[in-house]
């Protein structure tokens, strides 16, 4: 499977066609299982994201939206011991971020949201200087803390 994956990733994406969709689905499922169940990934996150993006693009191009596709599934990688809760505000995600331009785009989205919320509510929030705390990500787990007093 690793050889097939590396072969697909080396190909020019424009050479892939409808006939490659089943193989891409199989490879995405295989690598997802390696990562999330066996905790033993064989490819990098970046390679997986590229593989997944190829599948998404081909399914869209050929209108191949099938409920069996890994693009239609949501993985739950978190232990069920955690209690789900609703957040007061939506949580933003960096999604797949690999370079400085992606980070700048993320900050632009944050500023727009803060400016919109500031205008619609009765508080004044300056977005001149934003501070960030960066920590490791746990797939499938998100938490927002609100400190009072």
N, C-alpha and C. Protein backbone atom coordinates (compact mmCIF):
# COMPACT_ATOMS: atom_id res chain seq x y z
N UNK A 1 0.82 -1.20 0.00
CA UNK A 1 0.00 0.00 0.00
C UNK A 1 0.86 1.26 0.00
N UNK A 2 1.98 1.20 0.70
CA UNK A 2 2.85 2.37 0.75
C UNK A 2 3.39 2.68 -0.65
N UNK A 3 3.80 1.65 -1.38
CA UNK A 3 4.31 1.87 -2.74
C UNK A 3 3.25 2.49 -3.64
N UNK A 4 2.02 1.99 -3.54
CA UNK A 4 0.92 2.55 -4.34
C UNK A 4 0.70 4.02 -3.98
N UNK A 5 0.75 4.31 -2.70
CA UNK A 5 0.54 5.68 -2.23
C UNK A 5 1.60 6.61 -2.78
N UNK A 6 2.86 6.21 -2.63
CA UNK A 6 3.95 7.06 -3.09
C UNK A 6 3.91 7.23 -4.60
N UNK A 7 3.49 6.20 -5.31
CA UNK A 7 3.36 6.28 -6.76
C UNK A 7 2.30 7.30 -7.16
N UNK A 8 1.14 7.25 -6.48
CA UNK A 8 0.05 8.20 -6.77
C UNK A 8 0.51 9.63 -6.46
N UNK A 9 1.20 9.80 -5.33
CA UNK A 9 1.62 11.14 -4.93
C UNK A 9 2.67 11.73 -5.88
N UNK A 10 3.43 10.88 -6.56
CA UNK A 10 4.44 11.35 -7.50
C UNK A 10 3.84 11.73 -8.86
N UNK A 11 2.64 11.21 -9.14
CA UNK A 11 2.02 11.46 -10.44
C UNK A 11 1.57 12.91 -10.57
N UNK A 12 1.50 13.35 -11.79
CA UNK A 12 0.91 14.64 -12.10
C UNK A 12 -0.60 14.51 -11.86
N UNK A 13 -1.18 15.32 -10.99
CA UNK A 13 -2.61 15.18 -10.67
C UNK A 13 -3.52 15.25 -11.90
N UNK A 14 -3.09 15.95 -12.93
CA UNK A 14 -3.93 16.07 -14.12
C UNK A 14 -4.01 14.76 -14.90
N UNK A 15 -3.13 13.81 -14.59
CA UNK A 15 -3.15 12.52 -15.27
C UNK A 15 -4.08 11.52 -14.58
N UNK A 16 -4.58 11.87 -13.41
CA UNK A 16 -5.49 10.98 -12.69
C UNK A 16 -6.90 11.15 -13.25
N UNK A 17 -7.65 10.05 -13.26
CA UNK A 17 -9.00 10.09 -13.81
C UNK A 17 -10.00 9.36 -12.94
N UNK A 18 -11.20 9.23 -13.46
CA UNK A 18 -12.30 8.57 -12.74
C UNK A 18 -11.89 7.18 -12.27
N UNK A 19 -11.13 6.47 -13.09
CA UNK A 19 -10.73 5.10 -12.76
C UNK A 19 -9.81 5.03 -11.53
N UNK A 20 -9.24 6.14 -11.13
CA UNK A 20 -8.35 6.17 -9.96
C UNK A 20 -9.10 6.39 -8.65
N UNK A 21 -10.37 6.74 -8.72
CA UNK A 21 -11.13 7.03 -7.50
C UNK A 21 -11.18 5.84 -6.55
N UNK A 22 -11.50 4.61 -7.02
CA UNK A 22 -11.53 3.49 -6.06
C UNK A 22 -10.19 3.26 -5.35
N UNK A 23 -9.08 3.38 -6.09
CA UNK A 23 -7.77 3.20 -5.47
C UNK A 23 -7.51 4.30 -4.44
N UNK A 24 -7.82 5.54 -4.78
CA UNK A 24 -7.62 6.64 -3.83
C UNK A 24 -8.46 6.44 -2.57
N UNK A 25 -9.69 5.99 -2.73
CA UNK A 25 -10.54 5.71 -1.55
C UNK A 25 -9.90 4.65 -0.68
N UNK A 26 -9.40 3.60 -1.30
CA UNK A 26 -8.76 2.51 -0.56
C UNK A 26 -7.52 3.02 0.17
N UNK A 27 -6.72 3.83 -0.50
CA UNK A 27 -5.50 4.35 0.12
C UNK A 27 -5.81 5.30 1.27
N UNK A 28 -6.79 6.16 1.09
CA UNK A 28 -7.16 7.09 2.17
C UNK A 28 -7.65 6.30 3.38
N UNK A 29 -8.51 5.31 3.16
CA UNK A 29 -9.00 4.49 4.28
C UNK A 29 -7.86 3.75 4.97
N UNK A 30 -6.95 3.20 4.18
CA UNK A 30 -5.81 2.46 4.73
C UNK A 30 -4.96 3.37 5.63
N UNK A 31 -4.62 4.55 5.11
CA UNK A 31 -3.76 5.45 5.88
C UNK A 31 -4.48 6.07 7.07
N UNK A 32 -5.76 6.28 6.94
CA UNK A 32 -6.55 6.76 8.08
C UNK A 32 -6.52 5.72 9.20
N UNK A 33 -6.67 4.46 8.83
CA UNK A 33 -6.64 3.36 9.80
C UNK A 33 -5.26 3.26 10.46
N UNK A 34 -4.21 3.36 9.63
CA UNK A 34 -2.84 3.32 10.17
C UNK A 34 -2.63 4.40 11.22
N UNK A 35 -3.18 5.58 10.92
CA UNK A 35 -2.97 6.73 11.81
C UNK A 35 -3.86 6.67 13.05
N UNK A 36 -5.15 6.52 12.83
CA UNK A 36 -6.08 6.70 13.94
C UNK A 36 -6.34 5.45 14.77
N UNK A 37 -6.21 4.28 14.19
CA UNK A 37 -6.47 3.05 14.94
C UNK A 37 -5.17 2.40 15.41
N UNK A 38 -4.26 2.21 14.48
CA UNK A 38 -3.00 1.55 14.83
C UNK A 38 -1.97 2.50 15.41
N UNK A 39 -2.23 3.82 15.29
CA UNK A 39 -1.29 4.84 15.75
C UNK A 39 0.11 4.59 15.21
N UNK A 40 0.14 4.23 13.92
CA UNK A 40 1.41 3.92 13.26
C UNK A 40 1.38 4.41 11.82
N UNK A 41 1.37 5.73 11.63
CA UNK A 41 1.27 6.26 10.27
C UNK A 41 2.49 5.90 9.42
N UNK A 42 2.23 5.66 8.14
CA UNK A 42 3.30 5.33 7.21
C UNK A 42 3.68 6.51 6.33
N UNK A 43 2.83 7.53 6.31
CA UNK A 43 3.11 8.73 5.52
C UNK A 43 2.92 9.95 6.42
N UNK A 44 3.45 11.07 5.98
CA UNK A 44 3.34 12.29 6.77
C UNK A 44 1.92 12.87 6.68
N UNK A 45 1.60 13.77 7.59
CA UNK A 45 0.30 14.46 7.54
C UNK A 45 0.13 15.19 6.21
N UNK A 46 1.19 15.80 5.76
CA UNK A 46 1.17 16.54 4.50
C UNK A 46 0.87 15.61 3.32
N UNK A 47 1.48 14.44 3.31
CA UNK A 47 1.23 13.47 2.24
C UNK A 47 -0.21 12.97 2.30
N UNK A 48 -0.70 12.73 3.52
CA UNK A 48 -2.10 12.28 3.65
C UNK A 48 -3.05 13.37 3.15
N UNK A 49 -2.78 14.60 3.53
CA UNK A 49 -3.64 15.70 3.09
C UNK A 49 -3.66 15.82 1.57
N UNK A 50 -2.49 15.62 0.93
CA UNK A 50 -2.44 15.67 -0.54
C UNK A 50 -3.23 14.53 -1.16
N UNK A 51 -3.11 13.33 -0.59
CA UNK A 51 -3.84 12.16 -1.06
C UNK A 51 -5.34 12.40 -0.95
N UNK A 52 -5.75 12.92 0.20
CA UNK A 52 -7.17 13.21 0.45
C UNK A 52 -7.67 14.28 -0.51
N UNK A 53 -6.86 15.32 -0.71
CA UNK A 53 -7.25 16.40 -1.62
C UNK A 53 -7.41 15.90 -3.06
N UNK A 54 -6.55 14.98 -3.48
CA UNK A 54 -6.69 14.39 -4.81
C UNK A 54 -8.02 13.67 -4.94
N UNK A 55 -8.37 12.91 -3.92
CA UNK A 55 -9.65 12.19 -3.93
C UNK A 55 -10.82 13.16 -3.98
N UNK A 56 -10.80 14.18 -3.16
CA UNK A 56 -11.87 15.19 -3.15
C UNK A 56 -12.01 15.82 -4.53
N UNK A 57 -10.89 16.19 -5.13
CA UNK A 57 -10.91 16.85 -6.44
C UNK A 57 -11.49 15.93 -7.51
N UNK A 58 -11.09 14.66 -7.51
CA UNK A 58 -11.60 13.73 -8.52
C UNK A 58 -13.09 13.46 -8.31
N UNK A 59 -13.50 13.29 -7.06
CA UNK A 59 -14.93 13.06 -6.81
C UNK A 59 -15.76 14.26 -7.28
N UNK A 60 -15.25 15.43 -7.06
CA UNK A 60 -15.95 16.63 -7.50
C UNK A 60 -15.96 16.72 -9.02
N UNK A 61 -14.82 16.49 -9.63
CA UNK A 61 -14.70 16.59 -11.08
C UNK A 61 -15.64 15.62 -11.80
N UNK A 62 -15.76 14.41 -11.28
CA UNK A 62 -16.57 13.38 -11.93
C UNK A 62 -17.91 13.16 -11.25
N UNK A 63 -18.28 14.05 -10.34
CA UNK A 63 -19.54 13.96 -9.60
C UNK A 63 -19.74 12.56 -9.02
N UNK A 64 -18.72 12.09 -8.33
CA UNK A 64 -18.70 10.75 -7.73
C UNK A 64 -18.87 10.84 -6.22
N UNK A 65 -19.95 11.40 -5.77
CA UNK A 65 -20.19 11.54 -4.33
C UNK A 65 -20.95 10.31 -3.85
N UNK A 66 -20.25 9.46 -3.14
CA UNK A 66 -20.80 8.19 -2.69
C UNK A 66 -20.66 8.11 -1.17
N UNK A 67 -21.70 7.62 -0.52
CA UNK A 67 -21.68 7.56 0.95
C UNK A 67 -20.58 6.64 1.48
N UNK A 68 -20.05 5.76 0.64
CA UNK A 68 -18.97 4.87 1.10
C UNK A 68 -17.60 5.53 1.04
N UNK A 69 -17.54 6.69 0.43
CA UNK A 69 -16.25 7.37 0.29
C UNK A 69 -15.76 7.90 1.64
N UNK A 70 -14.45 7.83 1.87
CA UNK A 70 -13.90 8.41 3.10
C UNK A 70 -14.10 9.92 3.17
N UNK A 71 -14.39 10.56 2.04
CA UNK A 71 -14.63 12.00 2.06
C UNK A 71 -16.00 12.32 2.65
N UNK A 72 -16.84 11.32 2.81
CA UNK A 72 -18.18 11.53 3.35
C UNK A 72 -18.30 11.08 4.80
N UNK A 73 -17.19 10.69 5.39
CA UNK A 73 -17.20 10.18 6.76
C UNK A 73 -16.53 11.18 7.70
N UNK A 74 -17.01 11.21 8.91
CA UNK A 74 -16.37 12.02 9.95
C UNK A 74 -15.78 11.05 10.96
N UNK A 75 -14.48 11.11 11.13
CA UNK A 75 -13.82 10.24 12.10
C UNK A 75 -13.93 10.82 13.49
N UNK A 76 -14.19 9.96 14.43
CA UNK A 76 -14.16 10.36 15.83
C UNK A 76 -12.96 9.65 16.44
N UNK A 77 -11.92 10.42 16.71
CA UNK A 77 -10.68 9.85 17.20
C UNK A 77 -10.50 10.04 18.70
N UNK A 78 -11.53 10.52 19.35
CA UNK A 78 -11.41 10.86 20.76
C UNK A 78 -12.13 9.81 21.60
N UNK A 79 -11.55 9.49 22.71
CA UNK A 79 -12.13 8.56 23.66
C UNK A 79 -13.51 9.04 24.08
N UNK A 80 -14.45 8.14 24.23
CA UNK A 80 -15.82 8.51 24.61
C UNK A 80 -15.96 8.91 26.07
N UNK A 81 -14.87 8.99 26.81
CA UNK A 81 -14.94 9.41 28.20
C UNK A 81 -15.16 10.92 28.33
N UNK A 82 -14.93 11.64 27.23
CA UNK A 82 -15.13 13.08 27.25
C UNK A 82 -16.60 13.40 27.02
N UNK A 83 -17.09 14.42 27.72
CA UNK A 83 -18.47 14.87 27.55
C UNK A 83 -18.50 15.97 26.51
N UNK A 84 -19.42 15.86 25.55
CA UNK A 84 -19.55 16.90 24.54
C UNK A 84 -20.28 18.09 25.14
N UNK A 85 -19.91 19.27 24.69
CA UNK A 85 -20.54 20.49 25.19
C UNK A 85 -20.66 21.49 24.05
N UNK A 86 -21.62 22.38 24.18
CA UNK A 86 -21.77 23.45 23.20
C UNK A 86 -20.88 24.62 23.61
N UNK A 87 -20.35 25.31 22.63
CA UNK A 87 -19.50 26.46 22.89
C UNK A 87 -20.30 27.74 22.73
N UNK A 88 -19.95 28.76 23.49
CA UNK A 88 -20.62 30.05 23.37
C UNK A 88 -20.36 30.68 22.01
N UNK A 89 -19.15 30.46 21.49
CA UNK A 89 -18.74 31.01 20.20
C UNK A 89 -18.12 29.88 19.39
N UNK A 90 -18.24 29.98 18.08
CA UNK A 90 -17.64 28.98 17.22
C UNK A 90 -16.14 28.94 17.39
N UNK A 91 -15.57 27.76 17.27
CA UNK A 91 -14.13 27.61 17.40
C UNK A 91 -13.52 27.64 16.00
N UNK A 92 -12.48 28.44 15.86
CA UNK A 92 -11.79 28.55 14.58
C UNK A 92 -10.74 27.45 14.47
N UNK A 93 -10.45 27.05 13.25
CA UNK A 93 -9.44 26.04 13.01
C UNK A 93 -8.47 26.52 11.95
N UNK A 94 -7.23 26.15 12.09
CA UNK A 94 -6.24 26.47 11.08
C UNK A 94 -6.40 25.59 9.85
N UNK A 95 -7.18 24.54 9.95
CA UNK A 95 -7.31 23.57 8.87
C UNK A 95 -5.92 23.04 8.53
N UNK A 96 -5.66 22.90 7.27
CA UNK A 96 -4.34 22.42 6.84
C UNK A 96 -3.46 23.62 6.57
N UNK A 97 -2.58 23.89 7.50
CA UNK A 97 -1.73 25.08 7.42
C UNK A 97 -0.28 24.64 7.29
N UNK A 98 0.35 25.08 6.19
CA UNK A 98 1.71 24.64 5.94
C UNK A 98 2.70 25.77 5.71
N UNK A 99 2.20 27.02 5.65
CA UNK A 99 3.13 28.11 5.37
C UNK A 99 2.61 29.41 5.97
N UNK A 100 3.43 30.45 5.86
CA UNK A 100 3.10 31.75 6.46
C UNK A 100 1.85 32.36 5.84
N UNK A 101 1.64 32.16 4.54
CA UNK A 101 0.44 32.71 3.89
C UNK A 101 -0.83 32.12 4.50
N UNK A 102 -0.81 30.82 4.80
CA UNK A 102 -1.97 30.18 5.43
C UNK A 102 -2.24 30.79 6.80
N UNK A 103 -1.19 31.08 7.56
CA UNK A 103 -1.36 31.70 8.87
C UNK A 103 -1.93 33.11 8.75
N UNK A 104 -1.46 33.86 7.77
CA UNK A 104 -1.99 35.22 7.55
C UNK A 104 -3.48 35.15 7.18
N UNK A 105 -3.84 34.20 6.33
CA UNK A 105 -5.26 34.03 5.95
C UNK A 105 -6.11 33.72 7.18
N UNK A 106 -5.58 32.89 8.07
CA UNK A 106 -6.29 32.56 9.30
C UNK A 106 -6.50 33.81 10.15
N UNK A 107 -5.46 34.64 10.27
CA UNK A 107 -5.60 35.86 11.07
C UNK A 107 -6.61 36.82 10.45
N UNK A 108 -6.66 36.90 9.14
CA UNK A 108 -7.65 37.76 8.47
C UNK A 108 -9.06 37.29 8.83
N UNK A 109 -9.27 35.98 8.82
CA UNK A 109 -10.60 35.44 9.20
C UNK A 109 -10.94 35.79 10.64
N UNK A 110 -9.97 35.66 11.54
CA UNK A 110 -10.20 35.98 12.95
C UNK A 110 -10.57 37.45 13.11
N UNK A 111 -9.82 38.32 12.47
CA UNK A 111 -10.08 39.77 12.57
C UNK A 111 -11.48 40.11 12.07
N UNK A 112 -11.90 39.51 10.97
CA UNK A 112 -13.25 39.77 10.44
C UNK A 112 -14.32 39.37 11.45
N UNK A 113 -14.14 38.21 12.04
CA UNK A 113 -15.12 37.72 13.02
C UNK A 113 -15.16 38.63 14.23
N UNK A 114 -14.00 39.01 14.75
CA UNK A 114 -13.95 39.88 15.93
C UNK A 114 -14.55 41.25 15.64
N UNK A 115 -14.26 41.80 14.48
CA UNK A 115 -14.83 43.10 14.11
C UNK A 115 -16.35 43.01 13.96
N UNK A 116 -16.83 41.94 13.39
CA UNK A 116 -18.28 41.74 13.22
C UNK A 116 -18.96 41.59 14.58
N UNK A 117 -18.38 40.80 15.45
CA UNK A 117 -18.97 40.60 16.78
C UNK A 117 -18.90 41.88 17.60
N UNK A 118 -17.82 42.61 17.48
CA UNK A 118 -17.68 43.86 18.20
C UNK A 118 -18.73 44.87 17.76
N UNK A 119 -19.02 44.91 16.47
CA UNK A 119 -20.01 45.84 15.93
C UNK A 119 -21.43 45.44 16.31
N UNK A 120 -21.69 44.14 16.39
CA UNK A 120 -23.06 43.70 16.67
C UNK A 120 -23.39 43.65 18.16
N UNK A 121 -22.37 43.74 19.01
CA UNK A 121 -22.60 43.70 20.44
C UNK A 121 -22.09 44.99 21.06
N UNK A 122 -22.32 45.11 22.31
CA UNK A 122 -21.97 46.39 22.95
C UNK A 122 -20.60 46.37 23.60
N UNK A 123 -19.61 45.82 22.93
CA UNK A 123 -18.26 45.91 23.48
C UNK A 123 -17.32 46.37 22.37
N UNK A 124 -16.26 46.99 22.81
CA UNK A 124 -15.28 47.50 21.86
C UNK A 124 -14.03 46.66 21.97
N UNK A 125 -13.69 46.01 20.87
CA UNK A 125 -12.53 45.13 20.88
C UNK A 125 -11.57 45.59 19.80
N UNK A 126 -10.35 45.89 20.19
CA UNK A 126 -9.34 46.32 19.23
C UNK A 126 -8.62 45.10 18.67
N UNK A 127 -8.55 45.05 17.35
CA UNK A 127 -7.83 43.94 16.72
C UNK A 127 -6.46 44.39 16.24
N UNK A 128 -5.98 45.54 16.77
CA UNK A 128 -4.67 46.03 16.35
C UNK A 128 -3.58 45.01 16.64
N UNK A 129 -3.58 44.49 17.84
CA UNK A 129 -2.57 43.51 18.21
C UNK A 129 -3.25 42.29 18.81
N UNK A 130 -3.13 41.18 18.13
CA UNK A 130 -3.66 39.93 18.64
C UNK A 130 -2.50 39.09 19.16
N UNK A 131 -2.75 38.38 20.24
CA UNK A 131 -1.73 37.49 20.79
C UNK A 131 -2.21 36.06 20.63
N UNK A 132 -1.30 35.17 20.38
CA UNK A 132 -1.63 33.76 20.17
C UNK A 132 -0.87 32.89 21.14
N UNK A 133 -1.50 31.81 21.51
CA UNK A 133 -0.84 30.75 22.25
C UNK A 133 -0.94 29.53 21.35
N UNK A 134 0.19 28.91 21.08
CA UNK A 134 0.22 27.77 20.17
C UNK A 134 0.62 26.53 20.95
N UNK A 135 -0.17 25.48 20.79
CA UNK A 135 0.11 24.22 21.46
C UNK A 135 -0.10 23.08 20.49
N UNK A 136 0.36 21.91 20.84
CA UNK A 136 0.16 20.74 20.00
C UNK A 136 -1.32 20.44 19.86
N UNK A 137 -1.68 19.91 18.72
CA UNK A 137 -3.07 19.59 18.41
C UNK A 137 -3.33 18.11 18.68
N UNK A 138 -4.46 17.83 19.28
CA UNK A 138 -4.92 16.47 19.45
C UNK A 138 -6.07 16.27 18.47
N UNK A 139 -5.89 15.39 17.49
CA UNK A 139 -6.92 15.19 16.48
C UNK A 139 -8.24 14.78 17.12
N UNK A 140 -9.29 15.49 16.71
CA UNK A 140 -10.63 15.14 17.16
C UNK A 140 -11.01 15.73 18.49
N UNK A 141 -10.15 16.51 19.10
CA UNK A 141 -10.45 17.05 20.42
C UNK A 141 -10.27 18.56 20.40
N UNK A 142 -11.28 19.25 20.88
CA UNK A 142 -11.19 20.70 20.96
C UNK A 142 -11.76 21.17 22.29
N UNK A 143 -11.18 22.22 22.82
CA UNK A 143 -11.67 22.77 24.07
C UNK A 143 -11.53 24.28 24.04
N UNK A 144 -12.51 24.96 24.57
CA UNK A 144 -12.45 26.40 24.71
C UNK A 144 -12.67 26.70 26.19
N UNK A 145 -11.75 27.44 26.76
CA UNK A 145 -11.85 27.78 28.19
C UNK A 145 -12.27 29.24 28.33
N UNK A 146 -13.11 29.48 29.31
CA UNK A 146 -13.52 30.84 29.62
C UNK A 146 -13.24 31.07 31.10
N UNK A 147 -12.40 32.04 31.33
CA UNK A 147 -12.02 32.35 32.71
C UNK A 147 -12.84 33.54 33.19
N UNK A 148 -13.40 33.39 34.36
CA UNK A 148 -14.17 34.50 34.97
C UNK A 148 -13.56 34.81 36.32
N UNK A 149 -13.41 36.11 36.59
CA UNK A 149 -12.90 36.53 37.90
C UNK A 149 -11.44 36.19 38.04
